[in-house]
Each structure stands twice: as C-alpha cells, then as structure tokens.
Amino acid sequence: MSLLEEIGDAARREGATSVSRVTLRVGRHSGVSRDALLFAWELARADTVAEHAELTIEDIPLAVYCATCDDERAPVQGGGLVCATCGNASPSVVRGRELELVSMEIAP
C-alpha cells in the first residue's frame, strides 16, 4: 500500500474529507532522499484527500547497538557501523532505517 493510500484510508475511517498536514519519520539510512520525497509529495498528492496537505519530515539519525558498551550509540562518522565510544564493530542498527507515517491532521 502506498503512503497516500494509507493516508486516504485513515482519513476515510475518521470521516474526514481532507488532510491538512502529514508528518513522516525518515531515517537517514532508509534509502529515501528528503529532497526527492518532498518533490514527489508535491506531484503525488494531487487529486487525493491530501491535495493541500503540508508534509513535515522528522529526520532520524543512525544509531547502533554496541554490545561492548551495552547501549545505543551513534556510529563513527564515515567509519561504518562502528561504535563512536569504544571503536568496536556494532552491526545491529536500532534506528535510522525507518520510513513511518507518524501523524496527520484531518478536516471533517
């Protein structure tokens, strides 16, 4: 199901005729370009309940689980999935790959 189909279905379930704002959570390593998403939004929302909706994007940084530190950490910048605190490999990504519909504001 596409994002706009999901928005349309949710709006219909709530009895809404239009959506004024959509908030997405996009991980920096989700493979989704913020600029491309904003450009596509302008085109794709035409003739949908979200035709006039503003798109808000929450950027989520990459975080890995470090077994050595037993905690979530930001990885080394440009160094792959390596804990910035202890320097050990940390291949378990816990945040930064998501693409989620967080919220939407609807009008009756």
PDB file of N, CA and C in Angstrom:
ATOM      1  N   MET A   1       0.853  -1.172   0.000  1.00  0.00           N
ATOM      2  CA  MET A   1       0.000   0.000   0.000  1.00  0.00           C
ATOM      3  C   MET A   1       0.900   1.236   0.000  1.00  0.00           C
ATOM      4  N   SER A   2       0.574   2.196  -0.834  1.00  0.00           N
ATOM      5  CA  SER A   2       1.373   3.415  -0.890  1.00  0.00           C
ATOM      6  C   SER A   2       1.038   4.315   0.300  1.00  0.00           C
ATOM      7  N   LEU A   3       1.919   5.239   0.569  1.00  0.00           N
ATOM      8  CA  LEU A   3       1.720   6.187   1.659  1.00  0.00           C
ATOM      9  C   LEU A   3       0.418   6.970   1.490  1.00  0.00           C
ATOM     10  N   LEU A   4       0.159   7.461   0.283  1.00  0.00           N
ATOM     11  CA  LEU A   4      -1.065   8.240   0.061  1.00  0.00           C
ATOM     12  C   LEU A   4      -2.316   7.375   0.172  1.00  0.00           C
ATOM     13  N   GLU A   5      -2.233   6.107  -0.185  1.00  0.00           N
ATOM     14  CA  GLU A   5      -3.377   5.206   0.010  1.00  0.00           C
ATOM     15  C   GLU A   5      -3.633   5.006   1.501  1.00  0.00           C
ATOM     16  N   GLU A   6      -2.561   4.850   2.264  1.00  0.00           N
ATOM     17  CA  GLU A   6      -2.683   4.690   3.711  1.00  0.00           C
ATOM     18  C   GLU A   6      -3.308   5.939   4.339  1.00  0.00           C
ATOM     19  N   ILE A   7      -2.865   7.110   3.896  1.00  0.00           N
ATOM     20  CA  ILE A   7      -3.425   8.373   4.392  1.00  0.00           C
ATOM     21  C   ILE A   7      -4.901   8.477   4.038  1.00  0.00           C
ATOM     22  N   GLY A   8      -5.241   8.158   2.791  1.00  0.00           N
ATOM     23  CA  GLY A   8      -6.631   8.209   2.346  1.00  0.00           C
ATOM     24  C   GLY A   8      -7.518   7.259   3.125  1.00  0.00           C
ATOM     25  N   ASP A   9      -7.041   6.031   3.355  1.00  0.00           N
ATOM     26  CA  ASP A   9      -7.819   5.055   4.117  1.00  0.00           C
ATOM     27  C   ASP A   9      -8.049   5.527   5.551  1.00  0.00           C
ATOM     28  N   ALA A  10      -6.995   6.057   6.176  1.00  0.00           N
ATOM     29  CA  ALA A  10      -7.123   6.542   7.555  1.00  0.00           C
ATOM     30  C   ALA A  10      -8.091   7.727   7.626  1.00  0.00           C
ATOM     31  N   ALA A  11      -8.016   8.630   6.664  1.00  0.00           N
ATOM     32  CA  ALA A  11      -8.921   9.790   6.641  1.00  0.00           C
ATOM     33  C   ALA A  11     -10.364   9.339   6.484  1.00  0.00           C
ATOM     34  N   ARG A  12     -10.622   8.388   5.594  1.00  0.00           N
ATOM     35  CA  ARG A  12     -11.982   7.884   5.385  1.00  0.00           C
ATOM     36  C   ARG A  12     -12.525   7.207   6.650  1.00  0.00           C
ATOM     37  N   ARG A  13     -11.675   6.440   7.327  1.00  0.00           N
ATOM     38  CA  ARG A  13     -12.110   5.787   8.571  1.00  0.00           C
ATOM     39  C   ARG A  13     -12.547   6.808   9.616  1.00  0.00           C
ATOM     40  N   GLU A  14     -11.925   7.971   9.588  1.00  0.00           N
ATOM     41  CA  GLU A  14     -12.259   9.033  10.551  1.00  0.00           C
ATOM     42  C   GLU A  14     -13.352   9.969  10.032  1.00  0.00           C
ATOM     43  N   GLY A  15     -13.848   9.720   8.832  1.00  0.00           N
ATOM     44  CA  GLY A  15     -14.895  10.551   8.257  1.00  0.00           C
ATOM     45  C   GLY A  15     -14.398  11.898   7.767  1.00  0.00           C
ATOM     46  N   ALA A  16     -13.105  12.002   7.500  1.00  0.00           N
ATOM     47  CA  ALA A  16     -12.511  13.270   7.057  1.00  0.00           C
ATOM     48  C   ALA A  16     -12.581  13.401   5.544  1.00  0.00           C
ATOM     49  N   THR A  17     -12.718  14.631   5.101  1.00  0.00           N
ATOM     50  CA  THR A  17     -12.750  14.899   3.658  1.00  0.00           C
ATOM     51  C   THR A  17     -11.421  15.437   3.143  1.00  0.00           C
ATOM     52  N   SER A  18     -10.573  15.894   4.069  1.00  0.00           N
ATOM     53  CA  SER A  18      -9.262  16.380   3.645  1.00  0.00           C
ATOM     54  C   SER A  18      -8.253  16.255   4.787  1.00  0.00           C
ATOM     55  N   VAL A  19      -6.996  16.289   4.391  1.00  0.00           N
ATOM     56  CA  VAL A  19      -5.878  16.212   5.329  1.00  0.00           C
ATOM     57  C   VAL A  19      -5.080  17.492   5.165  1.00  0.00           C
ATOM     58  N   SER A  20      -4.764  18.157   6.272  1.00  0.00           N
ATOM     59  CA  SER A  20      -4.048  19.426   6.178  1.00  0.00           C
ATOM     60  C   SER A  20      -2.554  19.306   6.464  1.00  0.00           C
ATOM     61  N   ARG A  21      -2.144  18.264   7.181  1.00  0.00           N
ATOM     62  CA  ARG A  21      -0.734  18.085   7.483  1.00  0.00           C
ATOM     63  C   ARG A  21      -0.435  16.601   7.641  1.00  0.00           C
ATOM     64  N   VAL A  22       0.719  16.188   7.135  1.00  0.00           N
ATOM     65  CA  VAL A  22       1.197  14.816   7.285  1.00  0.00           C
ATOM     66  C   VAL A  22       2.616  14.897   7.845  1.00  0.00           C
ATOM     67  N   THR A  23       2.873  14.092   8.872  1.00  0.00           N
ATOM     68  CA  THR A  23       4.209  14.043   9.453  1.00  0.00           C
ATOM     69  C   THR A  23       4.789  12.647   9.256  1.00  0.00           C
ATOM     70  N   LEU A  24       5.974  12.601   8.678  1.00  0.00           N
ATOM     71  CA  LEU A  24       6.682  11.350   8.454  1.00  0.00           C
ATOM     72  C   LEU A  24       7.964  11.339   9.268  1.00  0.00           C
ATOM     73  N   ARG A  25       8.376  10.161   9.669  1.00  0.00           N
ATOM     74  CA  ARG A  25       9.661   9.948  10.325  1.00  0.00           C
ATOM     75  C   ARG A  25      10.523   9.179   9.321  1.00  0.00           C
ATOM     76  N   VAL A  26      11.644   9.796   8.923  1.00  0.00           N
ATOM     77  CA  VAL A  26      12.502   9.210   7.890  1.00  0.00           C
ATOM     78  C   VAL A  26      13.917   9.057   8.429  1.00  0.00           C
ATOM     79  N   GLY A  27      14.386   7.828   8.474  1.00  0.00           N
ATOM     80  CA  GLY A  27      15.746   7.548   8.926  1.00  0.00           C
ATOM     81  C   GLY A  27      16.770   7.963   7.880  1.00  0.00           C
ATOM     82  N   ARG A  28      17.897   8.446   8.367  1.00  0.00           N
ATOM     83  CA  ARG A  28      18.949   8.906   7.455  1.00  0.00           C
ATOM     84  C   ARG A  28      19.480   7.785   6.563  1.00  0.00           C
ATOM     85  N   HIS A  29      19.335   6.549   7.005  1.00  0.00           N
ATOM     86  CA  HIS A  29      19.803   5.419   6.211  1.00  0.00           C
ATOM     87  C   HIS A  29      18.641   4.560   5.724  1.00  0.00           C
ATOM     88  N   SER A  30      17.507   5.205   5.468  1.00  0.00           N
ATOM     89  CA  SER A  30      16.325   4.494   4.978  1.00  0.00           C
ATOM     90  C   SER A  30      16.382   4.282   3.474  1.00  0.00           C
ATOM     91  N   GLY A  31      17.276   5.004   2.824  1.00  0.00           N
ATOM     92  CA  GLY A  31      17.340   4.938   1.369  1.00  0.00           C
ATOM     93  C   GLY A  31      16.405   5.933   0.706  1.00  0.00           C
ATOM     94  N   VAL A  32      15.767   6.785   1.514  1.00  0.00           N
ATOM     95  CA  VAL A  32      14.834   7.779   1.000  1.00  0.00           C
ATOM     96  C   VAL A  32      15.490   9.156   1.074  1.00  0.00           C
ATOM     97  N   SER A  33      15.571   9.816  -0.049  1.00  0.00           N
ATOM     98  CA  SER A  33      16.122  11.167  -0.105  1.00  0.00           C
ATOM     99  C   SER A  33      15.050  12.164   0.307  1.00  0.00           C
ATOM    100  N   ARG A  34      15.377  13.022   1.264  1.00  0.00           N
ATOM    101  CA  ARG A  34      14.433  14.040   1.739  1.00  0.00           C
ATOM    102  C   ARG A  34      13.965  14.924   0.587  1.00  0.00           C
ATOM    103  N   ASP A  35      14.905  15.397  -0.238  1.00  0.00           N
ATOM    104  CA  ASP A  35      14.547  16.271  -1.357  1.00  0.00           C
ATOM    105  C   ASP A  35      13.659  15.561  -2.368  1.00  0.00           C
ATOM    106  N   ALA A  36      13.981  14.314  -2.674  1.00  0.00           N
ATOM    107  CA  ALA A  36      13.167  13.546  -3.622  1.00  0.00           C
ATOM    108  C   ALA A  36      11.763  13.311  -3.062  1.00  0.00           C
ATOM    109  N   LEU A  37      11.675  13.044  -1.768  1.00  0.00           N
ATOM    110  CA  LEU A  37      10.379  12.822  -1.131  1.00  0.00           C
ATOM    111  C   LEU A  37       9.524  14.087  -1.183  1.00  0.00           C
ATOM    112  N   LEU A  38      10.116  15.223  -0.874  1.00  0.00           N
ATOM    113  CA  LEU A  38       9.374  16.482  -0.929  1.00  0.00           C
ATOM    114  C   LEU A  38       8.913  16.798  -2.353  1.00  0.00           C
ATOM    115  N   PHE A  39       9.771  16.548  -3.335  1.00  0.00           N
ATOM    116  CA  PHE A  39       9.409  16.779  -4.736  1.00  0.00           C
ATOM    117  C   PHE A  39       8.269  15.852  -5.154  1.00  0.00           C
ATOM    118  N   ALA A  40       8.399  14.572  -4.823  1.00  0.00           N
ATOM    119  CA  ALA A  40       7.366  13.594  -5.190  1.00  0.00           C
ATOM    120  C   ALA A  40       6.043  13.899  -4.495  1.00  0.00           C
ATOM    121  N   TRP A  41       6.113  14.381  -3.257  1.00  0.00           N
ATOM    122  CA  TRP A  41       4.904  14.722  -2.499  1.00  0.00           C
ATOM    123  C   TRP A  41       4.079  15.756  -3.246  1.00  0.00           C
ATOM    124  N   GLU A  42       4.741  16.763  -3.768  1.00  0.00           N
ATOM    125  CA  GLU A  42       4.040  17.829  -4.491  1.00  0.00           C
ATOM    126  C   GLU A  42       3.261  17.270  -5.681  1.00  0.00           C
ATOM    127  N   LEU A  43       3.812  16.296  -6.353  1.00  0.00           N
ATOM    128  CA  LEU A  43       3.159  15.710  -7.530  1.00  0.00           C
ATOM    129  C   LEU A  43       2.113  14.656  -7.159  1.00  0.00           C
ATOM    130  N   ALA A  44       2.468  13.786  -6.230  1.00  0.00           N
ATOM    131  CA  ALA A  44       1.628  12.621  -5.928  1.00  0.00           C
ATOM    132  C   ALA A  44       0.351  12.959  -5.163  1.00  0.00           C
ATOM    133  N   ARG A  45       0.353  14.036  -4.412  1.00  0.00           N
ATOM    134  CA  ARG A  45      -0.819  14.341  -3.584  1.00  0.00           C
ATOM    135  C   ARG A  45      -1.985  14.941  -4.368  1.00  0.00           C
ATOM    136  N   ALA A  46      -1.758  15.312  -5.610  1.00  0.00           N
ATOM    137  CA  ALA A  46      -2.827  15.888  -6.438  1.00  0.00           C
ATOM    138  C   ALA A  46      -4.009  14.923  -6.531  1.00  0.00           C
ATOM    139  N   ASP A  47      -5.206  15.472  -6.437  1.00  0.00           N
ATOM    140  CA  ASP A  47      -6.451  14.700  -6.539  1.00  0.00           C
ATOM    141  C   ASP A  47      -6.586  13.627  -5.466  1.00  0.00           C
ATOM    142  N   THR A  48      -6.017  13.872  -4.283  1.00  0.00           N
ATOM    143  CA  THR A  48      -6.193  12.971  -3.145  1.00  0.00           C
ATOM    144  C   THR A  48      -6.709  13.798  -1.967  1.00  0.00           C
ATOM    145  N   VAL A  49      -7.055  13.132  -0.866  1.00  0.00           N
ATOM    146  CA  VAL A  49      -7.505  13.856   0.324  1.00  0.00           C
ATOM    147  C   VAL A  49      -6.387  14.715   0.900  1.00  0.00           C
ATOM    148  N   ALA A  50      -5.158  14.438   0.502  1.00  0.00           N
ATOM    149  CA  ALA A  50      -4.002  15.193   0.996  1.00  0.00           C
ATOM    150  C   ALA A  50      -3.529  16.248   0.004  1.00  0.00           C
ATOM    151  N   GLU A  51      -4.401  16.602  -0.935  1.00  0.00           N
ATOM    152  CA  GLU A  51      -4.022  17.528  -2.006  1.00  0.00           C
ATOM    153  C   GLU A  51      -3.429  18.834  -1.491  1.00  0.00           C
ATOM    154  N   HIS A  52      -3.918  19.342  -0.375  1.00  0.00           N
ATOM    155  CA  HIS A  52      -3.426  20.618   0.160  1.00  0.00           C
ATOM    156  C   HIS A  52      -2.607  20.436   1.439  1.00  0.00           C
ATOM    157  N   ALA A  53      -2.245  19.206   1.732  1.00  0.00           N
ATOM    158  CA  ALA A  53      -1.546  18.920   2.980  1.00  0.00           C
ATOM    159  C   ALA A  53      -0.072  19.316   2.919  1.00  0.00           C
ATOM    160  N   GLU A  54       0.377  19.860   4.029  1.00  0.00           N
ATOM    161  CA  GLU A  54       1.790  20.181   4.194  1.00  0.00           C
ATOM    162  C   GLU A  54       2.495  18.918   4.696  1.00  0.00           C
ATOM    163  N   LEU A  55       3.679  18.660   4.168  1.00  0.00           N
ATOM    164  CA  LEU A  55       4.446  17.495   4.587  1.00  0.00           C
ATOM    165  C   LEU A  55       5.554  17.936   5.534  1.00  0.00           C
ATOM    166  N   THR A  56       5.577  17.337   6.717  1.00  0.00           N
ATOM    167  CA  THR A  56       6.632  17.576   7.694  1.00  0.00           C
ATOM    168  C   THR A  56       7.439  16.296   7.829  1.00  0.00           C
ATOM    169  N   ILE A  57       8.753  16.426   7.769  1.00  0.00           N
ATOM    170  CA  ILE A  57       9.632  15.255   7.845  1.00  0.00           C
ATOM    171  C   ILE A  57      10.515  15.369   9.078  1.00  0.00           C
ATOM    172  N   GLU A  58      10.448  14.350   9.921  1.00  0.00           N
ATOM    173  CA  GLU A  58      11.337  14.248  11.079  1.00  0.00           C
ATOM    174  C   GLU A  58      12.519  13.377  10.664  1.00  0.00           C
ATOM    175  N   ASP A  59      13.721  13.940  10.686  1.00  0.00           N
ATOM    176  CA  ASP A  59      14.924  13.187  10.336  1.00  0.00           C
ATOM    177  C   ASP A  59      15.393  12.386  11.549  1.00  0.00           C
ATOM    178  N   ILE A  60      15.631  11.092  11.346  1.00  0.00           N
ATOM    179  CA  ILE A  60      16.076  10.225  12.420  1.00  0.00           C
ATOM    180  C   ILE A  60      17.523   9.799  12.137  1.00  0.00           C
ATOM    181  N   PRO A  61      18.435  10.139  13.044  1.00  0.00           N
ATOM    182  CA  PRO A  61      19.832   9.772  12.826  1.00  0.00           C
ATOM    183  C   PRO A  61      20.058   8.271  13.016  1.00  0.00           C
ATOM    184  N   LEU A  62      21.159   7.797  12.478  1.00  0.00           N
ATOM    185  CA  LEU A  62      21.519   6.389  12.610  1.00  0.00           C
ATOM    186  C   LEU A  62      22.001   6.118  14.035  1.00  0.00           C
ATOM    187  N   ALA A  63      21.546   5.011  14.615  1.00  0.00           N
ATOM    188  CA  ALA A  63      22.013   4.559  15.923  1.00  0.00           C
ATOM    189  C   ALA A  63      22.218   3.055  15.853  1.00  0.00           C
ATOM    190  N   VAL A  64      23.282   2.590  16.482  1.00  0.00           N
ATOM    191  CA  VAL A  64      23.590   1.162  16.520  1.00  0.00           C
ATOM    192  C   VAL A  64      23.603   0.696  17.970  1.00  0.00           C
ATOM    193  N   TYR A  65      23.418  -0.611  18.153  1.00  0.00           N
ATOM    194  CA  TYR A  65      23.560  -1.189  19.489  1.00  0.00           C
ATOM    195  C   TYR A  65      24.977  -1.707  19.611  1.00  0.00           C
ATOM    196  N   CYS A  66      25.687  -1.223  20.619  1.00  0.00           N
ATOM    197  CA  CYS A  66      27.043  -1.684  20.881  1.00  0.00           C
ATOM    198  C   CYS A  66      26.995  -2.697  22.015  1.00  0.00           C
ATOM    199  N   ALA A  67      27.357  -3.944  21.733  1.00  0.00           N
ATOM    200  CA  ALA A  67      27.339  -4.994  22.755  1.00  0.00           C
ATOM    201  C   ALA A  67      28.390  -4.736  23.828  1.00  0.00           C
ATOM    202  N   THR A  68      29.499  -4.136  23.447  1.00  0.00           N
ATOM    203  CA  THR A  68      30.556  -3.853  24.412  1.00  0.00           C
ATOM    204  C   THR A  68      30.104  -2.805  25.425  1.00  0.00           C
ATOM    205  N   CYS A  69      29.505  -1.722  24.932  1.00  0.00           N
ATOM    206  CA  CYS A  69      29.012  -0.646  25.814  1.00  0.00           C
ATOM    207  C   CYS A  69      27.647  -0.982  26.414  1.00  0.00           C
ATOM    208  N   ASP A  70      26.973  -1.991  25.835  1.00  0.00           N
ATOM    209  CA  ASP A  70      25.618  -2.379  26.221  1.00  0.00           C
ATOM    210  C   ASP A  70      24.673  -1.186  26.188  1.00  0.00           C
ATOM    211  N   ASP A  71      24.724  -0.458  25.041  1.00  0.00           N
ATOM    212  CA  ASP A  71      23.900   0.734  24.898  1.00  0.00           C
ATOM    213  C   ASP A  71      23.769   1.099  23.418  1.00  0.00           C
ATOM    214  N   GLU A  72      22.785   1.945  23.133  1.00  0.00           N
ATOM    215  CA  GLU A  72      22.643   2.508  21.790  1.00  0.00           C
ATOM    216  C   GLU A  72      23.650   3.639  21.641  1.00  0.00           C
ATOM    217  N   ARG A  73      24.301   3.675  20.492  1.00  0.00           N
ATOM    218  CA  ARG A  73      25.308   4.701  20.240  1.00  0.00           C
ATOM    219  C   ARG A  73      25.207   5.183  18.805  1.00  0.00           C
ATOM    220  N   ALA A  74      25.674   6.396  18.580  1.00  0.00           N
ATOM    221  CA  ALA A  74      25.850   6.880  17.207  1.00  0.00           C
ATOM    222  C   ALA A  74      27.126   6.221  16.679  1.00  0.00           C
ATOM    223  N   PRO A  75      27.111   5.789  15.423  1.00  0.00           N
ATOM    224  CA  PRO A  75      28.338   5.201  14.880  1.00  0.00           C
ATOM    225  C   PRO A  75      29.359   6.283  14.518  1.00  0.00           C
ATOM    226  N   VAL A  76      30.588   5.858  14.288  1.00  0.00           N
ATOM    227  CA  VAL A  76      31.652   6.759  13.862  1.00  0.00           C
ATOM    228  C   VAL A  76      31.256   7.375  12.527  1.00  0.00           C
ATOM    229  N   GLN A  77      31.364   8.689  12.401  1.00  0.00           N
ATOM    230  CA  GLN A  77      31.047   9.371  11.138  1.00  0.00           C
ATOM    231  C   GLN A  77      31.970   8.867  10.031  1.00  0.00           C
ATOM    232  N   GLY A  78      31.366   8.348   8.966  1.00  0.00           N
ATOM    233  CA  GLY A  78      32.139   7.877   7.824  1.00  0.00           C
ATOM    234  C   GLY A  78      32.944   6.620   8.090  1.00  0.00           C
ATOM    235  N   GLY A  79      32.717   5.981   9.231  1.00  0.00           N
ATOM    236  CA  GLY A  79      33.506   4.803   9.597  1.00  0.00           C
ATOM    237  C   GLY A  79      32.733   3.513   9.609  1.00  0.00           C
ATOM    238  N   GLY A  80      31.558   3.493   9.011  1.00  0.00           N
ATOM    239  CA  GLY A  80      30.756   2.277   9.004  1.00  0.00           C
ATOM    240  C   GLY A  80      30.020   2.093  10.320  1.00  0.00           C
ATOM    241  N   LEU A  81      29.642   0.878  10.603  1.00  0.00           N
ATOM    242  CA  LEU A  81      28.864   0.579  11.809  1.00  0.00           C
ATOM    243  C   LEU A  81      29.814   0.254  12.953  1.00  0.00           C
ATOM    244  N   VAL A  82      30.501   1.287  13.410  1.00  0.00           N
ATOM    245  CA  VAL A  82      31.486   1.172  14.486  1.00  0.00           C
ATOM    246  C   VAL A  82      31.078   2.121  15.605  1.00  0.00           C
ATOM    247  N   CYS A  83      31.078   1.633  16.829  1.00  0.00           N
ATOM    248  CA  CYS A  83      30.708   2.451  17.982  1.00  0.00           C
ATOM    249  C   CYS A  83      31.671   3.624  18.122  1.00  0.00           C
ATOM    250  N   ALA A  84      31.120   4.822  18.240  1.00  0.00           N
ATOM    251  CA  ALA A  84      31.943   6.025  18.372  1.00  0.00           C
ATOM    252  C   ALA A  84      32.582   6.125  19.753  1.00  0.00           C
ATOM    253  N   THR A  85      32.070   5.369  20.723  1.00  0.00           N
ATOM    254  CA  THR A  85      32.600   5.434  22.076  1.00  0.00           C
ATOM    255  C   THR A  85      33.784   4.486  22.283  1.00  0.00           C
ATOM    256  N   CYS A  86      33.606   3.214  21.906  1.00  0.00           N
ATOM    257  CA  CYS A  86      34.664   2.228  22.174  1.00  0.00           C
ATOM    258  C   CYS A  86      35.412   1.759  20.932  1.00  0.00           C
ATOM    259  N   GLY A  87      34.862   2.046  19.737  1.00  0.00           N
ATOM    260  CA  GLY A  87      35.539   1.670  18.499  1.00  0.00           C
ATOM    261  C   GLY A  87      35.283   0.256  18.015  1.00  0.00           C
ATOM    262  N   ASN A  88      34.429  -0.501  18.707  1.00  0.00           N
ATOM    263  CA  ASN A  88      34.122  -1.869  18.271  1.00  0.00           C
ATOM    264  C   ASN A  88      33.040  -1.886  17.208  1.00  0.00           C
ATOM    265  N   ALA A  89      33.082  -2.916  16.369  1.00  0.00           N
ATOM    266  CA  ALA A  89      32.060  -3.097  15.336  1.00  0.00           C
ATOM    267  C   ALA A  89      30.703  -3.269  16.006  1.00  0.00           C
ATOM    268  N   SER A  90      29.698  -2.599  15.460  1.00  0.00           N
ATOM    269  CA  SER A  90      28.345  -2.641  16.024  1.00  0.00           C
ATOM    270  C   SER A  90      27.336  -2.766  14.883  1.00  0.00           C
ATOM    271  N   PRO A  91      27.176  -3.976  14.335  1.00  0.00           N
ATOM    272  CA  PRO A  91      26.339  -4.146  13.145  1.00  0.00           C
ATOM    273  C   PRO A  91      24.835  -4.121  13.378  1.00  0.00           C
ATOM    274  N   SER A  92      24.389  -4.023  14.614  1.00  0.00           N
ATOM    275  CA  SER A  92      22.953  -4.025  14.899  1.00  0.00           C
ATOM    276  C   SER A  92      22.401  -2.600  14.849  1.00  0.00           C
ATOM    277  N   VAL A  93      21.730  -2.274  13.746  1.00  0.00           N
ATOM    278  CA  VAL A  93      21.127  -0.949  13.592  1.00  0.00           C
ATOM    279  C   VAL A  93      19.809  -0.924  14.360  1.00  0.00           C
ATOM    280  N   VAL A  94      19.663   0.049  15.266  1.00  0.00           N
ATOM    281  CA  VAL A  94      18.433   0.151  16.057  1.00  0.00           C
ATOM    282  C   VAL A  94      17.559   1.324  15.621  1.00  0.00           C
ATOM    283  N   ARG A  95      18.139   2.274  14.929  1.00  0.00           N
ATOM    284  CA  ARG A  95      17.388   3.442  14.464  1.00  0.00           C
ATOM    285  C   ARG A  95      18.087   4.017  13.247  1.00  0.00           C
ATOM    286  N   GLY A  96      17.276   4.600  12.352  1.00  0.00           N
ATOM    287  CA  GLY A  96      17.850   5.286  11.201  1.00  0.00           C
ATOM    288  C   GLY A  96      17.468   4.694   9.858  1.00  0.00           C
ATOM    289  N   ARG A  97      16.701   3.606   9.865  1.00  0.00           N
ATOM    290  CA  ARG A  97      16.250   2.999   8.607  1.00  0.00           C
ATOM    291  C   ARG A  97      14.750   3.120   8.397  1.00  0.00           C
ATOM    292  N   GLU A  98      14.063   3.776   9.309  1.00  0.00           N
ATOM    293  CA  GLU A  98      12.606   3.812   9.260  1.00  0.00           C
ATOM    294  C   GLU A  98      12.049   4.785   8.223  1.00  0.00           C
ATOM    295  N   LEU A  99      10.863   4.483   7.795  1.00  0.00           N
ATOM    296  CA  LEU A  99      10.025   5.386   6.999  1.00  0.00           C
ATOM    297  C   LEU A  99       8.620   5.155   7.535  1.00  0.00           C
ATOM    298  N   GLU A 100       8.169   6.059   8.410  1.00  0.00           N
ATOM    299  CA  GLU A 100       6.914   5.856   9.128  1.00  0.00           C
ATOM    300  C   GLU A 100       5.988   7.051   9.003  1.00  0.00           C
ATOM    301  N   LEU A 101       4.711   6.773   8.877  1.00  0.00           N
ATOM    302  CA  LEU A 101       3.683   7.796   8.979  1.00  0.00           C
ATOM    303  C   LEU A 101       3.442   7.999  10.474  1.00  0.00           C
ATOM    304  N   VAL A 102       3.782   9.185  10.976  1.00  0.00           N
ATOM    305  CA  VAL A 102       3.688   9.476  12.399  1.00  0.00           C
ATOM    306  C   VAL A 102       2.313  10.036  12.752  1.00  0.00           C
ATOM    307  N   SER A 103       1.867  11.028  11.968  1.00  0.00           N
ATOM    308  CA  SER A 103       0.582  11.644  12.266  1.00  0.00           C
ATOM    309  C   SER A 103       0.049  12.375  11.051  1.00  0.00           C
ATOM    310  N   MET A 104      -1.211  12.717  11.146  1.00  0.00           N
ATOM    311  CA  MET A 104      -1.828  13.542  10.116  1.00  0.00           C
ATOM    312  C   MET A 104      -2.957  14.340  10.745  1.00  0.00           C
ATOM    313  N   GLU A 105      -3.131  15.562  10.280  1.00  0.00           N
ATOM    314  CA  GLU A 105      -4.215  16.415  10.750  1.00  0.00           C
ATOM    315  C   GLU A 105      -5.307  16.368   9.700  1.00  0.00           C
ATOM    316  N   ILE A 106      -6.519  16.117  10.159  1.00  0.00           N
ATOM    317  CA  ILE A 106      -7.642  15.956   9.236  1.00  0.00           C
ATOM    318  C   ILE A 106      -8.687  17.036   9.449  1.00  0.00           C
ATOM    319  N   ALA A 107      -9.496  17.232   8.416  1.00  0.00           N
ATOM    320  CA  ALA A 107     -10.631  18.168   8.483  1.00  0.00           C
ATOM    321  C   ALA A 107     -11.896  17.390   8.140  1.00  0.00           C
ATOM    322  N   PRO A 108     -12.970  17.655   8.871  1.00  0.00           N
ATOM    323  CA  PRO A 108     -14.223  16.911   8.607  1.00  0.00           C
ATOM    324  C   PRO A 108     -14.819  17.248   7.259  1.00  0.00           C
TER     325      PRO A 108
END
